[in-house]
Amino acid sequence: MDINENIVNRVAQSGLVSFDLADFYPRGERVTYDIKDNLFHGLILKEKDFREFVKDHDWEQYTGKNVAIICSSDAIVPTWAYMLLANRMAPYAREVVFGSLDTLETVLFQKALETLDMESYRDKRVVVKGCGDVTVPISAYVDLTTRLTKVAKSVMYGEPCSTVPVFKRKD
């Protein structure tokens, strides 16, 4: 082999478009609000006491945070109680959802992906990066895949040098 031969980067010439979901990681601290702390003996929500709490609580502490509202107690909590919490948190929090932190991550990524211009991936061969420093929920990969398969020529998972085929449009 001649030492003067050019080294060819076949991955760079392949026309693959790399997509890293970590680039869409929604900012903001994630916190859980557990309504069980508002229950009398961990079982019953007393409306008068709860409304007093809602009125007096420092809601500014949720400024810029992403909040998951849950009830970890095995209690029946009226829907309006969650609505009151959401109403008071919404002016301060970046996002408020009912459910676990996993549910919160799903919602945050879903909203981030909704802003994506999918037309920029039309007829492209897209590789969705699979590993990284940021934990991305599987739901985000599912959401992205359903969006990409409507426009992309193909969708793969992994790294450009080692991919797993997920979808290929039949022309």
Protein backbone atom coordinates (compact mmCIF):
# COMPACT_ATOMS: atom_id res chain seq x y z
CA MET A 1 0.00 0.00 0.00
CA ASP A 2 1.31 3.38 -0.98
CA ILE A 3 1.68 5.63 2.07
CA ASN A 4 0.60 8.60 -0.03
CA GLU A 5 -2.83 7.12 -0.74
CA ASN A 6 -5.68 9.15 0.63
CA ILE A 7 -7.65 7.72 3.50
CA VAL A 8 -11.33 7.75 2.61
CA ASN A 9 -13.94 8.24 5.31
CA ARG A 10 -16.74 6.11 3.91
CA VAL A 11 -19.06 6.96 6.81
CA ALA A 12 -18.80 10.67 6.05
CA GLN A 13 -19.50 9.99 2.37
CA SER A 14 -22.48 7.72 3.06
CA GLY A 15 -24.99 10.55 3.30
CA LEU A 16 -26.17 9.42 6.71
CA VAL A 17 -27.75 12.01 8.98
CA SER A 18 -27.03 11.45 12.67
CA PHE A 19 -29.77 12.28 15.18
CA ASP A 20 -28.94 12.49 18.88
CA LEU A 21 -31.98 12.65 21.16
CA ALA A 22 -29.72 13.94 23.94
CA ASP A 23 -29.60 17.22 22.01
CA PHE A 24 -33.29 17.59 22.83
CA TYR A 25 -32.90 16.93 26.55
CA PRO A 26 -35.33 19.39 28.15
CA ARG A 27 -33.70 21.68 30.65
CA GLY A 28 -34.89 22.32 34.16
CA GLU A 29 -34.74 20.44 37.43
CA ARG A 30 -37.16 17.53 37.86
CA VAL A 31 -39.10 17.30 41.14
CA THR A 32 -41.95 15.23 42.50
CA TYR A 33 -44.85 16.65 44.45
CA ASP A 34 -46.51 13.92 46.50
CA ILE A 35 -50.04 14.83 47.55
CA LYS A 36 -49.89 12.18 50.30
CA ASP A 37 -48.31 14.84 52.50
CA ASN A 38 -51.64 16.71 52.35
CA LEU A 39 -53.73 13.74 53.45
CA PHE A 40 -55.15 13.38 56.95
CA HIS A 41 -53.58 10.22 58.41
CA GLY A 42 -52.30 9.48 54.91
CA LEU A 43 -55.80 8.46 53.80
CA ILE A 44 -58.24 11.33 53.52
CA LEU A 45 -58.10 14.74 51.90
CA LYS A 46 -59.93 17.32 53.97
CA GLU A 47 -61.09 20.00 51.57
CA LYS A 48 -60.95 22.92 54.02
CA ASP A 49 -57.41 22.07 55.19
CA PHE A 50 -56.22 21.43 51.65
CA ARG A 51 -57.60 24.70 50.33
CA GLU A 52 -55.89 26.52 53.21
CA PHE A 53 -52.61 24.80 52.33
CA VAL A 54 -52.97 25.72 48.65
CA LYS A 55 -53.63 29.35 49.60
CA ASP A 56 -50.64 29.65 51.98
CA HIS A 57 -48.00 27.44 50.36
CA ASP A 58 -44.90 29.00 48.77
CA TRP A 59 -45.43 28.10 45.11
CA GLU A 60 -42.46 30.16 43.93
CA GLN A 61 -40.17 27.30 44.98
CA TYR A 62 -41.27 25.54 41.76
CA THR A 63 -40.01 28.35 39.53
CA GLY A 64 -38.33 26.91 36.45
CA LYS A 65 -38.77 23.32 37.62
CA ASN A 66 -40.48 20.40 35.94
CA VAL A 67 -42.98 18.91 38.39
CA ALA A 68 -44.49 15.43 38.51
CA ILE A 69 -47.54 15.28 40.78
CA ILE A 70 -48.17 11.87 42.35
CA CYS A 71 -49.95 10.24 45.25
CA SER A 72 -47.80 7.49 46.74
CA SER A 73 -50.45 6.64 49.31
CA ASP A 74 -53.22 4.15 48.61
CA ALA A 75 -55.91 6.79 48.98
CA ILE A 76 -58.74 8.08 46.86
CA VAL A 77 -57.92 11.68 46.01
CA PRO A 78 -60.53 13.78 44.20
CA THR A 79 -59.54 15.00 40.76
CA TRP A 80 -60.10 18.64 41.71
CA ALA A 81 -57.26 18.41 44.25
CA TYR A 82 -54.75 17.67 41.48
CA MET A 83 -56.30 20.44 39.44
CA LEU A 84 -55.80 22.93 42.29
CA LEU A 85 -52.13 21.92 42.60
CA ALA A 86 -51.57 22.25 38.87
CA ASN A 87 -53.29 25.63 38.82
CA ARG A 88 -51.06 27.00 41.57
CA MET A 89 -47.81 25.52 40.17
CA ALA A 90 -48.38 26.41 36.51
CA PRO A 91 -47.42 30.09 36.74
CA TYR A 92 -44.03 29.13 38.19
CA ALA A 93 -43.10 25.68 36.92
CA ARG A 94 -41.70 24.99 33.47
CA GLU A 95 -43.94 21.91 33.18
CA VAL A 96 -46.49 20.20 35.44
CA VAL A 97 -47.76 16.66 34.81
CA PHE A 98 -49.67 14.02 36.72
CA GLY A 99 -47.57 10.90 37.04
CA SER A 100 -44.10 9.65 37.87
CA LEU A 101 -40.78 11.20 36.93
CA ASP A 102 -40.75 8.73 34.00
CA THR A 103 -44.06 10.17 32.83
CA LEU A 104 -42.59 13.65 33.18
CA GLU A 105 -39.59 12.70 31.02
CA THR A 106 -41.91 11.27 28.38
CA VAL A 107 -43.96 14.47 28.25
CA LEU A 108 -40.87 16.70 28.17
CA PHE A 109 -39.30 14.82 25.26
CA GLN A 110 -42.62 14.62 23.43
CA LYS A 111 -43.00 18.40 23.61
CA ALA A 112 -39.40 18.91 22.49
CA LEU A 113 -39.90 16.61 19.49
CA GLU A 114 -43.11 18.41 18.53
CA THR A 115 -40.99 21.47 17.73
CA LEU A 116 -38.81 19.52 15.29
CA ASP A 117 -39.07 20.30 11.58
CA MET A 118 -39.49 16.79 10.21
CA GLU A 119 -39.25 18.03 6.61
CA SER A 120 -35.51 18.45 7.07
CA TYR A 121 -35.32 14.64 7.28
CA ARG A 122 -37.38 13.98 4.15
CA ASP A 123 -35.81 11.24 2.00
CA LYS A 124 -32.75 11.10 4.28
CA ARG A 125 -31.01 8.08 5.74
CA VAL A 126 -31.17 8.79 9.49
CA VAL A 127 -29.15 7.14 12.24
CA VAL A 128 -30.60 7.65 15.70
CA LYS A 129 -27.76 7.66 18.18
CA GLY A 130 -28.24 5.11 20.92
CA CYS A 131 -25.68 5.80 23.63
CA GLY A 132 -24.66 8.88 25.48
CA ASP A 133 -24.22 10.67 28.75
CA VAL A 134 -27.88 11.69 28.96
CA THR A 135 -30.55 9.16 29.83
CA VAL A 136 -33.24 9.29 27.17
CA PRO A 137 -36.51 7.45 27.82
CA ILE A 138 -37.46 4.68 25.40
CA SER A 139 -40.69 6.57 24.79
CA ALA A 140 -38.66 9.31 23.09
CA TYR A 141 -37.11 6.77 20.71
CA VAL A 142 -40.57 5.41 19.91
CA ASP A 143 -41.97 8.91 19.36
CA LEU A 144 -39.05 9.92 17.15
CA THR A 145 -39.29 6.71 15.11
CA THR A 146 -42.98 7.22 14.36
CA ARG A 147 -42.23 10.76 13.24
CA LEU A 148 -39.19 9.83 11.12
CA THR A 149 -40.80 6.89 9.34
CA LYS A 150 -43.31 9.29 7.78
CA VAL A 151 -40.58 11.25 5.99
CA ALA A 152 -37.18 9.51 6.05
CA LYS A 153 -35.88 7.10 3.45
CA SER A 154 -34.50 4.90 6.21
CA VAL A 155 -34.08 4.89 9.98
CA MET A 156 -31.28 3.09 11.77
CA TYR A 157 -30.21 2.85 15.39
CA GLY A 158 -26.66 3.04 16.74
CA GLU A 159 -23.60 4.77 15.35
CA PRO A 160 -22.90 5.43 11.64
CA CYS A 161 -20.16 2.79 11.67
CA SER A 162 -22.41 0.14 13.25
CA THR A 163 -26.17 0.44 12.80
CA VAL A 164 -29.23 -1.67 13.32
CA PRO A 165 -31.83 -1.18 10.58
CA VAL A 166 -35.22 -0.12 11.90
CA PHE A 167 -37.09 1.10 8.82
CA LYS A 168 -36.50 1.29 5.08
CA ARG A 169 -39.06 2.83 2.74
CA LYS A 170 -39.87 0.69 -0.24
CA ASP A 171 -39.83 2.88 -3.34
